[in-house]
Amino acid sequence: MTESDDADATDAPTGDTFGVGIHVTETDLQFVVHVPSDIDSGWTDPDEFQRLVERVVWDRLDRESTLRGVARTADTGDTVTLGRVSLRPDGTVVETTLDAPTDASENDARTDS
């Protein structure tokens, strides 16, 4: 899924692009944000922008089915990439490119019924 806002690109910066994924450990699934090395200095609180990135992702992807899909398809130690989120320091979403893994059991249930 890709989404862009209507802002004129000449009026505002393009924002920073963060890679997002789910890391699989033996005990849980961890949401991870890959931060660009040349991040805009307007981002003053790393925890705040990571929470914002996570909120944007879960506003666009179904959290439960995404996590089920990751749990079924990934091994411990793997990080499953969900895509990218581009944001401005003011919180404006510039663009998202996200794709969730499918939960095979949901597909099987639909096929078998």
C-alpha atoms as a PDB file:
ATOM      1  CA  MET A   1       0.000   0.000   0.000  1.00  0.00           C
ATOM      2  CA  THR A   2       1.362   3.447  -0.905  1.00  0.00           C
ATOM      3  CA  GLU A   3      -0.030   6.731   0.315  1.00  0.00           C
ATOM      4  CA  SER A   4       1.109  10.306  -0.349  1.00  0.00           C
ATOM      5  CA  ASP A   5      -0.180  13.546   1.049  1.00  0.00           C
ATOM      6  CA  ASP A   6      -1.333  16.479  -1.044  1.00  0.00           C
ATOM      7  CA  ALA A   7       1.402  18.873   0.100  1.00  0.00           C
ATOM      8  CA  ASP A   8       3.341  20.627  -2.620  1.00  0.00           C
ATOM      9  CA  ALA A   9       6.842  19.120  -2.654  1.00  0.00           C
ATOM     10  CA  THR A  10       8.395  22.535  -3.207  1.00  0.00           C
ATOM     11  CA  ASP A  11       6.805  23.956  -0.044  1.00  0.00           C
ATOM     12  CA  ALA A  12       8.021  21.337   2.424  1.00  0.00           C
ATOM     13  CA  PRO A  13      10.902  18.925   2.831  1.00  0.00           C
ATOM     14  CA  THR A  14      10.369  15.338   1.763  1.00  0.00           C
ATOM     15  CA  GLY A  15      10.875  14.019   5.273  1.00  0.00           C
ATOM     16  CA  ASP A  16      12.966  11.138   6.540  1.00  0.00           C
ATOM     17  CA  THR A  17      12.364   7.561   5.455  1.00  0.00           C
ATOM     18  CA  PHE A  18      12.389   4.888   8.142  1.00  0.00           C
ATOM     19  CA  GLY A  19      12.544   1.183   7.409  1.00  0.00           C
ATOM     20  CA  VAL A  20      10.231  -0.879   9.587  1.00  0.00           C
ATOM     21  CA  GLY A  21      10.087  -4.541  10.451  1.00  0.00           C
ATOM     22  CA  ILE A  22       9.392  -7.201  13.038  1.00  0.00           C
ATOM     23  CA  HIS A  23      12.309  -8.990  14.718  1.00  0.00           C
ATOM     24  CA  VAL A  24      11.629 -12.521  15.981  1.00  0.00           C
ATOM     25  CA  THR A  25      13.203 -13.648  19.257  1.00  0.00           C
ATOM     26  CA  GLU A  26      12.670 -16.894  21.150  1.00  0.00           C
ATOM     27  CA  THR A  27      10.083 -15.229  23.370  1.00  0.00           C
ATOM     28  CA  ASP A  28       8.498 -12.383  21.432  1.00  0.00           C
ATOM     29  CA  LEU A  29       8.110 -10.252  18.318  1.00  0.00           C
ATOM     30  CA  GLN A  30       9.783  -6.833  18.430  1.00  0.00           C
ATOM     31  CA  PHE A  31       8.813  -3.842  16.290  1.00  0.00           C
ATOM     32  CA  VAL A  32      12.015  -2.328  14.858  1.00  0.00           C
ATOM     33  CA  VAL A  33      12.647   1.036  13.213  1.00  0.00           C
ATOM     34  CA  HIS A  34      15.713   1.519  11.014  1.00  0.00           C
ATOM     35  CA  VAL A  35      16.768   5.154  11.374  1.00  0.00           C
ATOM     36  CA  PRO A  36      18.588   6.905   8.493  1.00  0.00           C
ATOM     37  CA  SER A  37      22.110   8.099   9.287  1.00  0.00           C
ATOM     38  CA  ASP A  38      21.342  11.577   7.906  1.00  0.00           C
ATOM     39  CA  ILE A  39      18.134  12.081   9.910  1.00  0.00           C
ATOM     40  CA  ASP A  40      16.674  15.606  10.032  1.00  0.00           C
ATOM     41  CA  SER A  41      17.792  17.530  13.123  1.00  0.00           C
ATOM     42  CA  GLY A  42      14.136  18.382  13.780  1.00  0.00           C
ATOM     43  CA  TRP A  43      13.679  14.957  15.378  1.00  0.00           C
ATOM     44  CA  THR A  44      14.604  15.702  18.985  1.00  0.00           C
ATOM     45  CA  ASP A  45      13.203  12.675  20.845  1.00  0.00           C
ATOM     46  CA  PRO A  46      14.129   9.238  19.418  1.00  0.00           C
ATOM     47  CA  ASP A  47      11.458   7.450  21.463  1.00  0.00           C
ATOM     48  CA  GLU A  48       8.778   9.846  20.249  1.00  0.00           C
ATOM     49  CA  PHE A  49       9.514   9.443  16.527  1.00  0.00           C
ATOM     50  CA  GLN A  50       9.788   5.666  16.875  1.00  0.00           C
ATOM     51  CA  ARG A  51       6.349   5.594  18.529  1.00  0.00           C
ATOM     52  CA  LEU A  52       5.038   7.805  15.715  1.00  0.00           C
ATOM     53  CA  VAL A  53       6.469   5.462  13.070  1.00  0.00           C
ATOM     54  CA  GLU A  54       4.907   2.468  14.848  1.00  0.00           C
ATOM     55  CA  ARG A  55       1.519   4.215  15.099  1.00  0.00           C
ATOM     56  CA  VAL A  56       1.610   5.039  11.363  1.00  0.00           C
ATOM     57  CA  VAL A  57       2.358   1.389  10.531  1.00  0.00           C
ATOM     58  CA  TRP A  58      -0.461  -0.014  12.675  1.00  0.00           C
ATOM     59  CA  ASP A  59      -2.889   2.591  11.315  1.00  0.00           C
ATOM     60  CA  ARG A  60      -2.271   1.068   7.869  1.00  0.00           C
ATOM     61  CA  LEU A  61      -1.686  -2.636   8.566  1.00  0.00           C
ATOM     62  CA  ASP A  62      -3.763  -4.983  10.696  1.00  0.00           C
ATOM     63  CA  ARG A  63      -1.505  -5.619  13.695  1.00  0.00           C
ATOM     64  CA  GLU A  64      -2.918  -9.010  14.680  1.00  0.00           C
ATOM     65  CA  SER A  65      -2.809 -10.629  11.237  1.00  0.00           C
ATOM     66  CA  THR A  66       0.611  -9.090  10.497  1.00  0.00           C
ATOM     67  CA  LEU A  67       2.122 -10.495  13.685  1.00  0.00           C
ATOM     68  CA  ARG A  68       0.487 -13.895  13.093  1.00  0.00           C
ATOM     69  CA  GLY A  69       1.958 -13.937   9.591  1.00  0.00           C
ATOM     70  CA  VAL A  70       5.427 -13.088  10.912  1.00  0.00           C
ATOM     71  CA  ALA A  71       5.183 -15.735  13.639  1.00  0.00           C
ATOM     72  CA  ARG A  72       4.211 -18.405  11.084  1.00  0.00           C
ATOM     73  CA  THR A  73       6.755 -17.546   8.392  1.00  0.00           C
ATOM     74  CA  ALA A  74       9.880 -16.353  10.224  1.00  0.00           C
ATOM     75  CA  ASP A  75      12.447 -18.169  12.329  1.00  0.00           C
ATOM     76  CA  THR A  76      13.997 -16.999  15.588  1.00  0.00           C
ATOM     77  CA  GLY A  77      16.608 -14.359  14.783  1.00  0.00           C
ATOM     78  CA  ASP A  78      14.898 -13.235  11.565  1.00  0.00           C
ATOM     79  CA  THR A  79      13.727  -9.689  10.944  1.00  0.00           C
ATOM     80  CA  VAL A  80      10.780  -9.445   8.568  1.00  0.00           C
ATOM     81  CA  THR A  81      10.696  -6.165   6.672  1.00  0.00           C
ATOM     82  CA  LEU A  82       7.278  -4.519   6.477  1.00  0.00           C
ATOM     83  CA  GLY A  83       8.370  -1.576   4.335  1.00  0.00           C
ATOM     84  CA  ARG A  84       9.095   2.122   4.695  1.00  0.00           C
ATOM     85  CA  VAL A  85       7.469   5.168   6.256  1.00  0.00           C
ATOM     86  CA  SER A  86       8.477   8.725   5.289  1.00  0.00           C
ATOM     87  CA  LEU A  87       7.692  11.410   7.871  1.00  0.00           C
ATOM     88  CA  ARG A  88       8.493  15.028   8.540  1.00  0.00           C
ATOM     89  CA  PRO A  89       9.567  16.087  12.048  1.00  0.00           C
ATOM     90  CA  ASP A  90       6.159  17.753  12.528  1.00  0.00           C
ATOM     91  CA  GLY A  91       4.553  14.283  12.227  1.00  0.00           C
ATOM     92  CA  THR A  92       3.259  14.704   8.673  1.00  0.00           C
ATOM     93  CA  VAL A  93       3.164  11.409   6.795  1.00  0.00           C
ATOM     94  CA  VAL A  94       4.775  11.970   3.397  1.00  0.00           C
ATOM     95  CA  GLU A  95       4.554   8.422   2.066  1.00  0.00           C
ATOM     96  CA  THR A  96       4.178   4.826   3.193  1.00  0.00           C
ATOM     97  CA  THR A  97       5.120   1.658   1.383  1.00  0.00           C
ATOM     98  CA  LEU A  98       4.029  -1.259   3.549  1.00  0.00           C
ATOM     99  CA  ASP A  99       3.269  -4.902   2.950  1.00  0.00           C
ATOM    100  CA  ALA A 100       2.371  -7.428   5.622  1.00  0.00           C
ATOM    101  CA  PRO A 101       3.215 -11.117   5.401  1.00  0.00           C
ATOM    102  CA  THR A 102       0.143 -13.268   4.995  1.00  0.00           C
ATOM    103  CA  ASP A 103      -1.022 -15.643   7.665  1.00  0.00           C
ATOM    104  CA  ALA A 104      -1.167 -18.997   5.862  1.00  0.00           C
ATOM    105  CA  SER A 105      -3.788 -20.358   8.259  1.00  0.00           C
ATOM    106  CA  GLU A 106      -6.187 -17.545   7.309  1.00  0.00           C
ATOM    107  CA  ASN A 107      -5.691 -18.373   3.628  1.00  0.00           C
ATOM    108  CA  ASP A 108      -6.193 -22.099   4.334  1.00  0.00           C
ATOM    109  CA  ALA A 109      -9.360 -21.381   6.304  1.00  0.00           C
ATOM    110  CA  ARG A 110     -10.777 -19.352   3.424  1.00  0.00           C
ATOM    111  CA  THR A 111      -9.884 -22.046   0.884  1.00  0.00           C
ATOM    112  CA  ASP A 112     -11.250 -24.943   2.951  1.00  0.00           C
ATOM    113  CA  SER A 113     -14.627 -23.383   3.694  1.00  0.00           C
END
